[in-house]
């Protein structure tokens, strides 16, 4: 675990000083001018501590390298077509509600990631009221580049997707969309500020999506925020 520090609000927080490994363990060949040199690619070097997570049995997962605590997404609804319980893995969110022709927001069946964060903090989810949206680097930190479809560790995706799965103390009640974008809090600036960065869960690539698109979302807490 990282050391502890104090954030801008005087709260103790984890201070991640370790860049975790990507999870890739296979080394791949390359054709080089000098055929005798070593190919010390990611799979050979495996720089950084191995990916390591703990299911806390309360609807959260802790990254043992960064100290960040992540929301576990379960299967809360009997039927979910993209809207439903905020902790259901199939529920989609806007980054920013779209506007209609009159300039009014059309949030309704779906809400924004910020509304979800607000609800989680008001309900004191898992005993904490400091949940937030991860920035793009934090979101990338839980990608396992040895995996695909989805590119995450087993702890984030180990349910069988049949029936209800609401017992968050159950280690086999965790889900991640296989080929979908997950929102970060990071705006594409100074490029197109109507877009925000997301991570494509199939292979962990970073994409930029219009903020009025519907994407998936996983909340985080911890780290050392230093904003106002």
C-alpha atoms as a PDB file:
ATOM      1  CA  UNK A   1       0.000   0.000   0.000  1.00  0.00           C
ATOM      2  CA  UNK A   2       1.099   3.572  -0.547  1.00  0.00           C
ATOM      3  CA  UNK A   3       1.927   5.911   2.308  1.00  0.00           C
ATOM      4  CA  UNK A   4      -0.667   8.256   3.727  1.00  0.00           C
ATOM      5  CA  UNK A   5      -0.852  12.000   3.322  1.00  0.00           C
ATOM      6  CA  UNK A   6      -3.296  14.798   3.995  1.00  0.00           C
ATOM      7  CA  UNK A   7      -5.404  16.238   1.202  1.00  0.00           C
ATOM      8  CA  UNK A   8      -6.537  19.808   0.607  1.00  0.00           C
ATOM      9  CA  UNK A   9      -9.418  19.367   3.071  1.00  0.00           C
ATOM     10  CA  UNK A  10      -7.197  18.053   5.884  1.00  0.00           C
ATOM     11  CA  UNK A  11      -8.370  14.464   5.394  1.00  0.00           C
ATOM     12  CA  UNK A  12      -5.996  11.517   5.490  1.00  0.00           C
ATOM     13  CA  UNK A  13      -5.738   9.877   2.082  1.00  0.00           C
ATOM     14  CA  UNK A  14      -3.687   7.246   0.321  1.00  0.00           C
ATOM     15  CA  UNK A  15      -0.664   8.602  -1.505  1.00  0.00           C
ATOM     16  CA  UNK A  16       0.030   6.257  -4.419  1.00  0.00           C
ATOM     17  CA  UNK A  17       3.732   6.253  -5.209  1.00  0.00           C
ATOM     18  CA  UNK A  18       3.808   2.969  -7.105  1.00  0.00           C
ATOM     19  CA  UNK A  19       3.055   2.766 -10.805  1.00  0.00           C
ATOM     20  CA  UNK A  20       1.419  -0.658 -11.152  1.00  0.00           C
ATOM     21  CA  UNK A  21       2.439  -3.094 -13.864  1.00  0.00           C
ATOM     22  CA  UNK A  22       0.217  -3.424 -16.910  1.00  0.00           C
ATOM     23  CA  UNK A  23      -0.500  -7.080 -16.187  1.00  0.00           C
ATOM     24  CA  UNK A  24       1.145  -8.222 -19.417  1.00  0.00           C
ATOM     25  CA  UNK A  25       3.333 -11.283 -18.837  1.00  0.00           C
ATOM     26  CA  UNK A  26       3.939 -12.569 -22.362  1.00  0.00           C
ATOM     27  CA  UNK A  27       6.902 -11.228 -24.340  1.00  0.00           C
ATOM     28  CA  UNK A  28       6.589 -10.667 -28.085  1.00  0.00           C
ATOM     29  CA  UNK A  29       9.244 -10.843 -30.801  1.00  0.00           C
ATOM     30  CA  UNK A  30      10.387  -7.892 -32.930  1.00  0.00           C
ATOM     31  CA  UNK A  31      12.431  -7.844 -36.137  1.00  0.00           C
ATOM     32  CA  UNK A  32      15.496  -5.683 -35.491  1.00  0.00           C
ATOM     33  CA  UNK A  33      18.551  -4.526 -37.460  1.00  0.00           C
ATOM     34  CA  UNK A  34      20.759  -6.320 -34.937  1.00  0.00           C
ATOM     35  CA  UNK A  35      19.190  -9.760 -34.647  1.00  0.00           C
ATOM     36  CA  UNK A  36      21.202 -10.524 -31.497  1.00  0.00           C
ATOM     37  CA  UNK A  37      19.758  -7.883 -29.204  1.00  0.00           C
ATOM     38  CA  UNK A  38      17.243  -8.683 -26.491  1.00  0.00           C
ATOM     39  CA  UNK A  39      13.619  -7.627 -26.905  1.00  0.00           C
ATOM     40  CA  UNK A  40      12.910  -6.247 -23.454  1.00  0.00           C
ATOM     41  CA  UNK A  41       9.298  -5.409 -24.104  1.00  0.00           C
ATOM     42  CA  UNK A  42       6.611  -4.979 -21.460  1.00  0.00           C
ATOM     43  CA  UNK A  43       6.013  -8.708 -21.110  1.00  0.00           C
ATOM     44  CA  UNK A  44       9.722  -9.322 -20.478  1.00  0.00           C
ATOM     45  CA  UNK A  45      10.416  -6.437 -18.087  1.00  0.00           C
ATOM     46  CA  UNK A  46       7.053  -6.348 -16.277  1.00  0.00           C
ATOM     47  CA  UNK A  47       7.938  -3.033 -14.669  1.00  0.00           C
ATOM     48  CA  UNK A  48       6.051  -2.076 -11.550  1.00  0.00           C
ATOM     49  CA  UNK A  49       4.394  -4.151  -8.838  1.00  0.00           C
ATOM     50  CA  UNK A  50       2.043  -6.891 -10.008  1.00  0.00           C
ATOM     51  CA  UNK A  51      -1.640  -6.038 -10.190  1.00  0.00           C
ATOM     52  CA  UNK A  52      -3.201  -6.772  -6.823  1.00  0.00           C
ATOM     53  CA  UNK A  53      -6.741  -6.167  -5.584  1.00  0.00           C
ATOM     54  CA  UNK A  54      -8.837  -6.942  -2.529  1.00  0.00           C
ATOM     55  CA  UNK A  55     -12.588  -7.483  -2.572  1.00  0.00           C
ATOM     56  CA  UNK A  56     -13.651  -5.783   0.642  1.00  0.00           C
ATOM     57  CA  UNK A  57     -16.979  -7.619   0.843  1.00  0.00           C
ATOM     58  CA  UNK A  58     -18.961  -4.393   1.095  1.00  0.00           C
ATOM     59  CA  UNK A  59     -19.450  -3.431  -2.540  1.00  0.00           C
ATOM     60  CA  UNK A  60     -15.940  -2.051  -2.941  1.00  0.00           C
ATOM     61  CA  UNK A  61     -12.619  -3.244  -4.367  1.00  0.00           C
ATOM     62  CA  UNK A  62      -9.261  -1.847  -3.194  1.00  0.00           C
ATOM     63  CA  UNK A  63      -6.252  -1.581  -5.485  1.00  0.00           C
ATOM     64  CA  UNK A  64      -3.363  -2.697  -3.288  1.00  0.00           C
ATOM     65  CA  UNK A  65      -0.853  -0.731  -5.364  1.00  0.00           C
ATOM     66  CA  UNK A  66      -2.510   2.679  -5.597  1.00  0.00           C
ATOM     67  CA  UNK A  67      -4.679   2.482  -2.489  1.00  0.00           C
ATOM     68  CA  UNK A  68      -7.696   3.605  -4.514  1.00  0.00           C
ATOM     69  CA  UNK A  69     -11.046   2.082  -3.592  1.00  0.00           C
ATOM     70  CA  UNK A  70     -13.402   1.269  -6.481  1.00  0.00           C
ATOM     71  CA  UNK A  71     -17.135   0.709  -6.583  1.00  0.00           C
ATOM     72  CA  UNK A  72     -18.132  -2.873  -7.348  1.00  0.00           C
ATOM     73  CA  UNK A  73     -20.837  -3.049 -10.012  1.00  0.00           C
ATOM     74  CA  UNK A  74     -23.397  -5.784  -9.417  1.00  0.00           C
ATOM     75  CA  UNK A  75     -26.546  -7.064 -11.130  1.00  0.00           C
ATOM     76  CA  UNK A  76     -29.245  -5.317  -9.148  1.00  0.00           C
ATOM     77  CA  UNK A  77     -32.168  -5.173 -11.576  1.00  0.00           C
ATOM     78  CA  UNK A  78     -34.140  -8.118 -12.911  1.00  0.00           C
ATOM     79  CA  UNK A  79     -34.315  -6.274 -16.248  1.00  0.00           C
ATOM     80  CA  UNK A  80     -32.008  -3.451 -17.251  1.00  0.00           C
ATOM     81  CA  UNK A  81     -31.923  -1.905 -20.709  1.00  0.00           C
ATOM     82  CA  UNK A  82     -29.430   0.826 -19.913  1.00  0.00           C
ATOM     83  CA  UNK A  83     -31.281   2.589 -17.127  1.00  0.00           C
ATOM     84  CA  UNK A  84     -31.910   1.418 -13.604  1.00  0.00           C
ATOM     85  CA  UNK A  85     -30.143   1.145 -10.273  1.00  0.00           C
ATOM     86  CA  UNK A  86     -26.993   3.292 -10.154  1.00  0.00           C
ATOM     87  CA  UNK A  87     -24.906   0.318  -8.948  1.00  0.00           C
ATOM     88  CA  UNK A  88     -26.062  -2.011 -11.720  1.00  0.00           C
ATOM     89  CA  UNK A  89     -23.345  -2.780 -14.274  1.00  0.00           C
ATOM     90  CA  UNK A  90     -25.779  -2.301 -17.168  1.00  0.00           C
ATOM     91  CA  UNK A  91     -26.859   1.248 -16.257  1.00  0.00           C
ATOM     92  CA  UNK A  92     -25.580   4.023 -18.526  1.00  0.00           C
ATOM     93  CA  UNK A  93     -24.874   7.645 -17.633  1.00  0.00           C
ATOM     94  CA  UNK A  94     -24.330  10.968 -19.317  1.00  0.00           C
ATOM     95  CA  UNK A  95     -21.307  13.092 -18.463  1.00  0.00           C
ATOM     96  CA  UNK A  96     -23.554  16.094 -19.074  1.00  0.00           C
ATOM     97  CA  UNK A  97     -27.292  15.991 -19.771  1.00  0.00           C
ATOM     98  CA  UNK A  98     -28.194  16.852 -23.370  1.00  0.00           C
ATOM     99  CA  UNK A  99     -30.301  19.894 -24.170  1.00  0.00           C
ATOM    100  CA  UNK A 100     -33.506  19.973 -26.173  1.00  0.00           C
ATOM    101  CA  UNK A 101     -34.299  22.561 -28.849  1.00  0.00           C
ATOM    102  CA  UNK A 102     -35.444  24.975 -26.153  1.00  0.00           C
ATOM    103  CA  UNK A 103     -32.131  24.710 -24.322  1.00  0.00           C
ATOM    104  CA  UNK A 104     -33.604  22.723 -21.419  1.00  0.00           C
ATOM    105  CA  UNK A 105     -31.841  19.662 -20.006  1.00  0.00           C
ATOM    106  CA  UNK A 106     -33.448  16.337 -20.790  1.00  0.00           C
ATOM    107  CA  UNK A 107     -32.120  14.287 -17.893  1.00  0.00           C
ATOM    108  CA  UNK A 108     -34.809  11.826 -16.974  1.00  0.00           C
ATOM    109  CA  UNK A 109     -34.629   8.054 -17.202  1.00  0.00           C
ATOM    110  CA  UNK A 110     -30.813   8.338 -17.315  1.00  0.00           C
ATOM    111  CA  UNK A 111     -28.792  10.717 -15.135  1.00  0.00           C
ATOM    112  CA  UNK A 112     -25.222  12.014 -15.177  1.00  0.00           C
ATOM    113  CA  UNK A 113     -22.168  10.548 -13.496  1.00  0.00           C
ATOM    114  CA  UNK A 114     -22.268  13.552 -11.149  1.00  0.00           C
ATOM    115  CA  UNK A 115     -25.834  12.724 -10.063  1.00  0.00           C
ATOM    116  CA  UNK A 116     -24.676   9.199  -9.310  1.00  0.00           C
ATOM    117  CA  UNK A 117     -21.756  10.464  -7.223  1.00  0.00           C
ATOM    118  CA  UNK A 118     -24.096  12.793  -5.340  1.00  0.00           C
ATOM    119  CA  UNK A 119     -26.475   9.927  -4.567  1.00  0.00           C
ATOM    120  CA  UNK A 120     -23.651   7.640  -3.447  1.00  0.00           C
ATOM    121  CA  UNK A 121     -22.312  10.271  -1.069  1.00  0.00           C
ATOM    122  CA  UNK A 122     -25.760  11.076   0.307  1.00  0.00           C
ATOM    123  CA  UNK A 123     -26.433   7.384   0.964  1.00  0.00           C
ATOM    124  CA  UNK A 124     -22.955   6.971   2.503  1.00  0.00           C
ATOM    125  CA  UNK A 125     -22.251   4.077   0.175  1.00  0.00           C
ATOM    126  CA  UNK A 126     -20.170   1.349   1.877  1.00  0.00           C
ATOM    127  CA  UNK A 127     -19.717   3.735   4.792  1.00  0.00           C
ATOM    128  CA  UNK A 128     -18.035   6.550   2.811  1.00  0.00           C
ATOM    129  CA  UNK A 129     -19.224   9.941   1.624  1.00  0.00           C
ATOM    130  CA  UNK A 130     -16.202  11.012  -0.436  1.00  0.00           C
ATOM    131  CA  UNK A 131     -16.868   9.138  -3.690  1.00  0.00           C
ATOM    132  CA  UNK A 132     -15.831  10.858  -6.899  1.00  0.00           C
ATOM    133  CA  UNK A 133     -15.316  10.278 -10.623  1.00  0.00           C
ATOM    134  CA  UNK A 134     -11.858   8.883 -11.515  1.00  0.00           C
ATOM    135  CA  UNK A 135      -9.572  10.860 -13.784  1.00  0.00           C
ATOM    136  CA  UNK A 136      -8.372   9.155 -16.936  1.00  0.00           C
ATOM    137  CA  UNK A 137      -5.040   7.995 -15.470  1.00  0.00           C
ATOM    138  CA  UNK A 138      -6.755   6.488 -12.453  1.00  0.00           C
ATOM    139  CA  UNK A 139      -9.235   4.727 -14.715  1.00  0.00           C
ATOM    140  CA  UNK A 140      -6.410   3.290 -16.821  1.00  0.00           C
ATOM    141  CA  UNK A 141      -4.681   1.978 -13.693  1.00  0.00           C
ATOM    142  CA  UNK A 142      -7.177  -0.883 -13.310  1.00  0.00           C
ATOM    143  CA  UNK A 143      -6.765  -2.082 -16.898  1.00  0.00           C
ATOM    144  CA  UNK A 144      -5.130  -5.503 -17.236  1.00  0.00           C
ATOM    145  CA  UNK A 145      -3.339  -5.524 -20.589  1.00  0.00           C
ATOM    146  CA  UNK A 146      -2.948  -9.294 -20.449  1.00  0.00           C
ATOM    147  CA  UNK A 147      -6.743  -9.585 -20.617  1.00  0.00           C
ATOM    148  CA  UNK A 148      -9.348  -8.582 -23.172  1.00  0.00           C
ATOM    149  CA  UNK A 149     -13.105  -8.330 -23.469  1.00  0.00           C
ATOM    150  CA  UNK A 150     -13.051  -6.929 -20.821  1.00  0.00           C
ATOM    151  CA  UNK A 151      -9.462  -5.904 -20.086  1.00  0.00           C
ATOM    152  CA  UNK A 152      -9.749  -5.984 -16.296  1.00  0.00           C
ATOM    153  CA  UNK A 153      -8.672  -8.241 -13.471  1.00  0.00           C
ATOM    154  CA  UNK A 154     -10.991 -11.102 -12.521  1.00  0.00           C
ATOM    155  CA  UNK A 155     -12.042  -9.296  -9.347  1.00  0.00           C
ATOM    156  CA  UNK A 156     -13.863  -6.699 -11.470  1.00  0.00           C
ATOM    157  CA  UNK A 157     -15.642  -9.255 -13.649  1.00  0.00           C
ATOM    158  CA  UNK A 158     -16.410 -12.649 -12.170  1.00  0.00           C
ATOM    159  CA  UNK A 159     -20.207 -13.002 -12.222  1.00  0.00           C
ATOM    160  CA  UNK A 160     -22.114 -15.395 -14.464  1.00  0.00           C
ATOM    161  CA  UNK A 161     -24.622 -12.716 -15.620  1.00  0.00           C
ATOM    162  CA  UNK A 162     -27.605 -14.950 -14.913  1.00  0.00           C
ATOM    163  CA  UNK A 163     -30.331 -13.852 -12.534  1.00  0.00           C
ATOM    164  CA  UNK A 164     -29.951 -11.407  -9.689  1.00  0.00           C
ATOM    165  CA  UNK A 165     -26.555 -10.821  -8.127  1.00  0.00           C
ATOM    166  CA  UNK A 166     -26.959  -8.333  -5.313  1.00  0.00           C
ATOM    167  CA  UNK A 167     -24.929  -9.878  -2.481  1.00  0.00           C
ATOM    168  CA  UNK A 168     -21.889  -7.598  -2.622  1.00  0.00           C
ATOM    169  CA  UNK A 169     -20.107  -9.680   0.006  1.00  0.00           C
ATOM    170  CA  UNK A 170     -20.086 -12.472  -2.584  1.00  0.00           C
ATOM    171  CA  UNK A 171     -16.785 -12.564  -4.456  1.00  0.00           C
ATOM    172  CA  UNK A 172     -18.623 -13.743  -7.570  1.00  0.00           C
ATOM    173  CA  UNK A 173     -20.901 -10.746  -7.863  1.00  0.00           C
ATOM    174  CA  UNK A 174     -18.828  -8.303  -9.887  1.00  0.00           C
ATOM    175  CA  UNK A 175     -19.321  -7.158 -13.472  1.00  0.00           C
ATOM    176  CA  UNK A 176     -17.735  -5.039 -16.210  1.00  0.00           C
ATOM    177  CA  UNK A 177     -19.175  -4.350 -19.655  1.00  0.00           C
ATOM    178  CA  UNK A 178     -17.079  -6.204 -22.229  1.00  0.00           C
ATOM    179  CA  UNK A 179     -16.883  -3.766 -25.137  1.00  0.00           C
ATOM    180  CA  UNK A 180     -18.000  -0.397 -23.855  1.00  0.00           C
ATOM    181  CA  UNK A 181     -16.666   2.983 -22.803  1.00  0.00           C
ATOM    182  CA  UNK A 182     -16.329   3.987 -19.151  1.00  0.00           C
ATOM    183  CA  UNK A 183     -16.363   7.681 -18.291  1.00  0.00           C
ATOM    184  CA  UNK A 184     -13.504   9.506 -16.619  1.00  0.00           C
ATOM    185  CA  UNK A 185     -13.727  12.967 -15.053  1.00  0.00           C
ATOM    186  CA  UNK A 186     -11.169  14.349 -17.535  1.00  0.00           C
ATOM    187  CA  UNK A 187     -12.308  16.769 -20.238  1.00  0.00           C
ATOM    188  CA  UNK A 188     -10.547  16.879 -23.611  1.00  0.00           C
ATOM    189  CA  UNK A 189      -8.925  20.258 -23.072  1.00  0.00           C
ATOM    190  CA  UNK A 190      -7.763  22.400 -24.809  1.00  0.00           C
ATOM    191  CA  UNK A 191      -9.107  20.333 -27.691  1.00  0.00           C
ATOM    192  CA  UNK A 192     -12.855  19.828 -27.812  1.00  0.00           C
ATOM    193  CA  UNK A 193     -14.221  20.624 -24.343  1.00  0.00           C
ATOM    194  CA  UNK A 194     -17.579  19.160 -25.338  1.00  0.00           C
ATOM    195  CA  UNK A 195     -15.810  15.771 -25.110  1.00  0.00           C
ATOM    196  CA  UNK A 196     -14.478  13.843 -22.127  1.00  0.00           C
ATOM    197  CA  UNK A 197     -12.010  10.954 -22.061  1.00  0.00           C
ATOM    198  CA  UNK A 198     -13.187   7.398 -21.511  1.00  0.00           C
ATOM    199  CA  UNK A 199     -11.580   3.955 -21.422  1.00  0.00           C
ATOM    200  CA  UNK A 200     -12.760   1.283 -23.840  1.00  0.00           C
ATOM    201  CA  UNK A 201     -13.188  -1.817 -21.702  1.00  0.00           C
ATOM    202  CA  UNK A 202     -12.500  -4.313 -24.512  1.00  0.00           C
ATOM    203  CA  UNK A 203      -8.755  -3.602 -24.654  1.00  0.00           C
ATOM    204  CA  UNK A 204      -8.102  -0.621 -22.383  1.00  0.00           C
ATOM    205  CA  UNK A 205      -7.610   2.051 -25.049  1.00  0.00           C
ATOM    206  CA  UNK A 206      -8.440   5.697 -24.313  1.00  0.00           C
ATOM    207  CA  UNK A 207     -11.137   7.337 -26.373  1.00  0.00           C
ATOM    208  CA  UNK A 208     -12.906  10.689 -26.319  1.00  0.00           C
ATOM    209  CA  UNK A 209     -16.686  10.750 -26.241  1.00  0.00           C
ATOM    210  CA  UNK A 210     -19.184  13.569 -26.520  1.00  0.00           C
ATOM    211  CA  UNK A 211     -20.338  14.428 -23.009  1.00  0.00           C
ATOM    212  CA  UNK A 212     -23.956  13.878 -24.019  1.00  0.00           C
ATOM    213  CA  UNK A 213     -23.235  10.254 -25.004  1.00  0.00           C
ATOM    214  CA  UNK A 214     -24.434   7.460 -22.731  1.00  0.00           C
ATOM    215  CA  UNK A 215     -21.502   5.471 -21.328  1.00  0.00           C
ATOM    216  CA  UNK A 216     -20.880   3.285 -18.299  1.00  0.00           C
ATOM    217  CA  UNK A 217     -19.312   4.479 -15.071  1.00  0.00           C
ATOM    218  CA  UNK A 218     -17.496   3.187 -11.980  1.00  0.00           C
ATOM    219  CA  UNK A 219     -16.890   5.499  -9.002  1.00  0.00           C
ATOM    220  CA  UNK A 220     -13.694   5.725  -6.961  1.00  0.00           C
ATOM    221  CA  UNK A 221     -12.508   7.164  -3.657  1.00  0.00           C
ATOM    222  CA  UNK A 222      -9.121   7.789  -2.077  1.00  0.00           C
ATOM    223  CA  UNK A 223      -6.007   9.281  -3.560  1.00  0.00           C
ATOM    224  CA  UNK A 224      -5.002  12.815  -2.663  1.00  0.00           C
ATOM    225  CA  UNK A 225      -7.275  15.340  -4.409  1.00  0.00           C
ATOM    226  CA  UNK A 226      -5.712  18.805  -4.325  1.00  0.00           C
ATOM    227  CA  UNK A 227      -8.450  20.840  -5.971  1.00  0.00           C
ATOM    228  CA  UNK A 228     -10.213  23.814  -4.426  1.00  0.00           C
END
